[in-house]
Amino acid sequence: MQNFISKSLERVAIFLPNFFAGGLILIAGVLLSEIARRLFILFVKFLKIKYLLIKKRLMNESELEIWQTALAELIRWEIILFFLIPTVEAWGLSRITSVFNRMLVYLSNIFLSVVVIIIGIILINFLTNRIKKRAKSFNKKTLNILLSAIKVVIIFLVSIIVLDQLGVAQDFIKILFTGIVAMFSLAGGIAFGLGGKDVAKKIITKIYKRLK
């Protein structure tokens, strides 16, 4: 019994320094993550990104707050996860590090996906504002159809990029994208063949006459 107690105390004595070392690493990570979150928000304010986007009507204030908070929180959790890896290593839980590594990579992909979504929203609003200003000759129905088509195309492209980034049905996305490119190529070829055959005939005739 005394031998068992001494061995247990010895193990505790060996583990305690590692436990405190891991705890200090984790605390440092949490503190740095909060600093990074606040620095990101200050950086956005310094660049006046919110002011420019609101002024140009590319995004409203409530949307900006949501996306800014989402990005800031993702940065915070990425840093926490980054520090969790050496923490669990110090605690002797090395098997969990592979899980945290995968989570860290996935969080980075989510961060990039959110950035892509934000760019997509800004692009939709930018094109919508431009077209409304310049397409005054269009009737309301035609304008609505055009704007809806632009939104659908951008949302579709953004969805493909986001799903690919998150690793969701990558093979299906590749097949779908290939099919869309083929469809547009075929449509362009048919349109040129039917609409541009007269032009092509004139060009070939001119070349033939010069060669004669």
Protein backbone atom coordinates (compact mmCIF):
# COMPACT_ATOMS: atom_id res chain seq x y z
CA MET A 1 0.00 0.00 0.00
CA GLN A 2 2.81 2.39 0.94
CA ASN A 3 4.57 1.51 -2.33
CA PHE A 4 1.40 2.28 -4.31
CA ILE A 5 1.00 5.67 -2.56
CA SER A 6 4.63 6.61 -3.18
CA LYS A 7 4.37 5.70 -6.87
CA SER A 8 1.14 7.71 -7.19
CA LEU A 9 2.76 10.72 -5.54
CA GLU A 10 5.75 10.33 -7.84
CA ARG A 11 3.50 10.32 -10.91
CA VAL A 12 1.64 13.38 -9.64
CA ALA A 13 4.96 15.14 -9.00
CA ILE A 14 6.07 14.35 -12.57
CA PHE A 15 2.72 15.38 -14.10
CA LEU A 16 2.19 18.65 -12.16
CA PRO A 17 4.95 20.68 -13.95
CA ASN A 18 3.59 19.53 -17.33
CA PHE A 19 0.05 20.35 -16.21
CA PHE A 20 1.00 23.88 -15.17
CA ALA A 21 3.11 24.36 -18.32
CA GLY A 22 0.14 23.31 -20.48
CA GLY A 23 -2.17 25.56 -18.49
CA LEU A 24 0.13 28.55 -18.98
CA ILE A 25 0.30 27.86 -22.73
CA LEU A 26 -3.51 27.70 -22.91
CA ILE A 27 -3.94 30.92 -20.88
CA ALA A 28 -1.42 32.67 -23.15
CA GLY A 29 -3.36 31.43 -26.18
CA VAL A 30 -6.71 32.68 -24.83
CA LEU A 31 -5.22 36.10 -24.01
CA LEU A 32 -3.52 36.40 -27.42
CA SER A 33 -6.71 35.30 -29.19
CA GLU A 34 -8.68 38.08 -27.49
CA ILE A 35 -5.97 40.62 -28.38
CA ALA A 36 -6.01 39.41 -32.01
CA ARG A 37 -9.82 39.68 -32.13
CA ARG A 38 -9.74 43.27 -30.90
CA LEU A 39 -6.83 44.17 -33.20
CA PHE A 40 -8.78 42.83 -36.18
CA ILE A 41 -11.78 45.04 -35.30
CA LEU A 42 -9.48 48.05 -34.82
CA PHE A 43 -7.75 47.29 -38.14
CA VAL A 44 -11.10 47.24 -39.96
CA LYS A 45 -12.01 50.59 -38.33
CA PHE A 46 -8.60 52.05 -39.22
CA LEU A 47 -9.01 51.14 -42.89
CA LYS A 48 -12.52 52.63 -42.81
CA ILE A 49 -13.84 49.60 -44.67
CA LYS A 50 -17.24 49.83 -42.97
CA TYR A 51 -17.56 53.52 -43.86
CA LEU A 52 -16.67 52.90 -47.53
CA LEU A 53 -19.02 49.92 -47.92
CA ILE A 54 -21.94 51.77 -46.30
CA LYS A 55 -21.26 54.95 -48.31
CA LYS A 56 -21.17 53.01 -51.61
CA ARG A 57 -24.27 51.03 -50.55
CA LEU A 58 -22.42 47.75 -50.94
CA MET A 59 -23.55 46.50 -47.52
CA ASN A 60 -25.67 47.84 -44.69
CA GLU A 61 -24.39 48.40 -41.15
CA SER A 62 -26.15 45.42 -39.54
CA GLU A 63 -24.75 43.02 -42.17
CA LEU A 64 -21.28 44.44 -41.68
CA GLU A 65 -21.48 43.95 -37.92
CA ILE A 66 -22.51 40.30 -38.37
CA TRP A 67 -19.71 39.47 -40.82
CA GLN A 68 -17.09 41.43 -38.87
CA THR A 69 -18.03 39.60 -35.66
CA ALA A 70 -17.97 36.22 -37.48
CA LEU A 71 -14.46 36.84 -38.88
CA ALA A 72 -13.16 38.14 -35.55
CA GLU A 73 -14.50 35.09 -33.68
CA LEU A 74 -13.02 32.71 -36.26
CA ILE A 75 -9.62 34.37 -35.81
CA ARG A 76 -9.97 34.06 -32.03
CA TRP A 77 -10.83 30.35 -32.14
CA GLU A 78 -8.09 29.58 -34.65
CA ILE A 79 -5.50 31.01 -32.24
CA ILE A 80 -7.03 29.13 -29.29
CA LEU A 81 -6.88 25.86 -31.25
CA PHE A 82 -3.31 26.64 -32.31
CA PHE A 83 -2.30 26.92 -28.62
CA LEU A 84 -4.41 23.91 -27.61
CA ILE A 85 -2.14 21.61 -29.64
CA PRO A 86 1.02 22.20 -27.52
CA THR A 87 -1.21 22.28 -24.41
CA VAL A 88 -2.49 18.72 -24.89
CA GLU A 89 1.02 17.64 -25.91
CA ALA A 90 2.30 18.94 -22.56
CA TRP A 91 -0.51 17.05 -20.79
CA GLY A 92 0.48 13.82 -22.55
CA LEU A 93 -2.66 13.67 -24.69
CA SER A 94 -0.85 13.52 -28.02
CA ARG A 95 -3.62 11.44 -29.64
CA ILE A 96 -5.97 14.43 -29.51
CA THR A 97 -3.52 16.69 -31.42
CA SER A 98 -4.51 15.16 -34.77
CA VAL A 99 -8.15 16.10 -34.08
CA PHE A 100 -7.20 19.68 -33.19
CA ASN A 101 -4.98 19.91 -36.30
CA ARG A 102 -7.92 18.91 -38.51
CA MET A 103 -10.17 21.38 -36.70
CA LEU A 104 -7.60 24.14 -37.21
CA VAL A 105 -7.43 23.46 -40.97
CA TYR A 106 -11.24 23.32 -41.19
CA LEU A 107 -11.60 26.63 -39.31
CA SER A 108 -9.19 28.23 -41.79
CA ASN A 109 -11.37 26.94 -44.63
CA ILE A 110 -14.47 28.36 -42.92
CA PHE A 111 -12.70 31.72 -42.57
CA LEU A 112 -11.89 31.76 -46.30
CA SER A 113 -15.47 30.69 -47.10
CA VAL A 114 -16.87 33.61 -45.08
CA VAL A 115 -14.53 35.99 -46.95
CA VAL A 116 -15.78 34.57 -50.28
CA ILE A 117 -19.42 35.04 -49.18
CA ILE A 118 -18.71 38.66 -48.18
CA ILE A 119 -17.06 39.32 -51.56
CA GLY A 120 -20.08 37.75 -53.28
CA ILE A 121 -22.53 40.02 -51.40
CA ILE A 122 -20.43 43.11 -52.19
CA LEU A 123 -20.20 42.10 -55.87
CA ILE A 124 -23.98 41.58 -56.13
CA ASN A 125 -24.70 44.99 -54.56
CA PHE A 126 -22.02 46.70 -56.68
CA LEU A 127 -23.34 45.29 -59.97
CA THR A 128 -26.96 45.94 -58.94
CA ASN A 129 -26.22 49.61 -58.18
CA ARG A 130 -24.24 50.04 -61.42
CA ILE A 131 -26.89 48.46 -63.61
CA LYS A 132 -29.71 50.46 -62.00
CA LYS A 133 -27.83 53.70 -62.70
CA ARG A 134 -26.83 52.90 -66.29
CA ALA A 135 -29.79 50.84 -67.53
CA LYS A 136 -32.41 53.59 -67.41
CA SER A 137 -33.62 52.71 -70.91
CA PHE A 138 -34.67 49.22 -69.78
CA ASN A 139 -38.24 48.62 -68.68
CA LYS A 140 -38.85 47.44 -65.12
CA LYS A 141 -39.50 43.81 -66.05
CA THR A 142 -36.32 43.46 -68.15
CA LEU A 143 -34.26 45.16 -65.45
CA ASN A 144 -35.61 42.81 -62.76
CA ILE A 145 -34.86 39.76 -64.91
CA LEU A 146 -31.31 41.01 -65.55
CA LEU A 147 -30.68 41.71 -61.86
CA SER A 148 -32.12 38.34 -60.84
CA ALA A 149 -29.91 36.56 -63.40
CA ILE A 150 -26.79 38.32 -62.07
CA LYS A 151 -27.68 37.39 -58.48
CA VAL A 152 -28.32 33.75 -59.39
CA VAL A 153 -24.99 33.46 -61.28
CA ILE A 154 -22.95 35.05 -58.45
CA ILE A 155 -24.72 33.04 -55.72
CA PHE A 156 -24.15 29.86 -57.74
CA LEU A 157 -20.43 30.57 -58.23
CA VAL A 158 -19.97 31.56 -54.57
CA SER A 159 -21.78 28.38 -53.47
CA ILE A 160 -19.49 26.21 -55.60
CA ILE A 161 -16.35 27.91 -54.18
CA VAL A 162 -17.61 27.64 -50.59
CA LEU A 163 -18.65 23.98 -50.89
CA ASP A 164 -15.32 23.14 -52.51
CA GLN A 165 -13.46 25.02 -49.76
CA LEU A 166 -15.36 23.10 -47.08
CA GLY A 167 -14.71 19.80 -48.85
CA VAL A 168 -18.40 19.06 -49.40
CA ALA A 169 -19.12 16.82 -52.44
CA GLN A 170 -15.96 17.92 -54.27
CA ASP A 171 -16.31 15.32 -57.05
CA PHE A 172 -19.91 16.37 -57.70
CA ILE A 173 -18.89 20.06 -57.81
CA LYS A 174 -16.10 19.33 -60.32
CA ILE A 175 -18.48 17.39 -62.58
CA LEU A 176 -21.11 20.13 -62.29
CA PHE A 177 -18.59 22.89 -63.05
CA THR A 178 -17.24 20.95 -66.06
CA GLY A 179 -20.80 20.48 -67.31
CA ILE A 180 -21.57 24.20 -67.00
CA VAL A 181 -18.39 25.18 -68.87
CA ALA A 182 -19.24 22.64 -71.60
CA MET A 183 -22.80 23.98 -71.81
CA PHE A 184 -21.64 27.59 -72.26
CA SER A 185 -19.01 26.52 -74.81
CA LEU A 186 -21.60 24.59 -76.79
CA ALA A 187 -24.10 27.46 -76.59
CA GLY A 188 -21.41 29.91 -77.75
CA GLY A 189 -20.44 27.61 -80.62
CA ILE A 190 -24.04 27.21 -81.77
CA ALA A 191 -24.69 30.95 -81.46
CA PHE A 192 -21.61 31.74 -83.53
CA GLY A 193 -22.46 29.04 -86.05
CA LEU A 194 -25.98 30.33 -86.57
CA GLY A 195 -25.50 34.06 -86.09
CA GLY A 196 -21.99 34.48 -87.46
CA LYS A 197 -22.07 32.23 -90.51
CA ASP A 198 -22.62 35.17 -92.89
CA VAL A 199 -19.69 37.08 -91.41
CA ALA A 200 -17.50 33.98 -91.60
CA LYS A 201 -18.53 33.46 -95.24
CA LYS A 202 -17.54 37.04 -96.16
CA ILE A 203 -14.14 36.69 -94.46
CA ILE A 204 -13.41 33.40 -96.24
CA THR A 205 -14.51 34.87 -99.59
CA LYS A 206 -12.19 37.87 -99.16
CA ILE A 207 -9.24 35.60 -98.30
CA TYR A 208 -10.01 33.37 -101.31
CA LYS A 209 -10.12 36.40 -103.69
CA ARG A 210 -6.78 37.70 -102.40
CA LEU A 211 -5.16 34.31 -102.88
CA LYS A 212 -6.40 34.21 -106.50
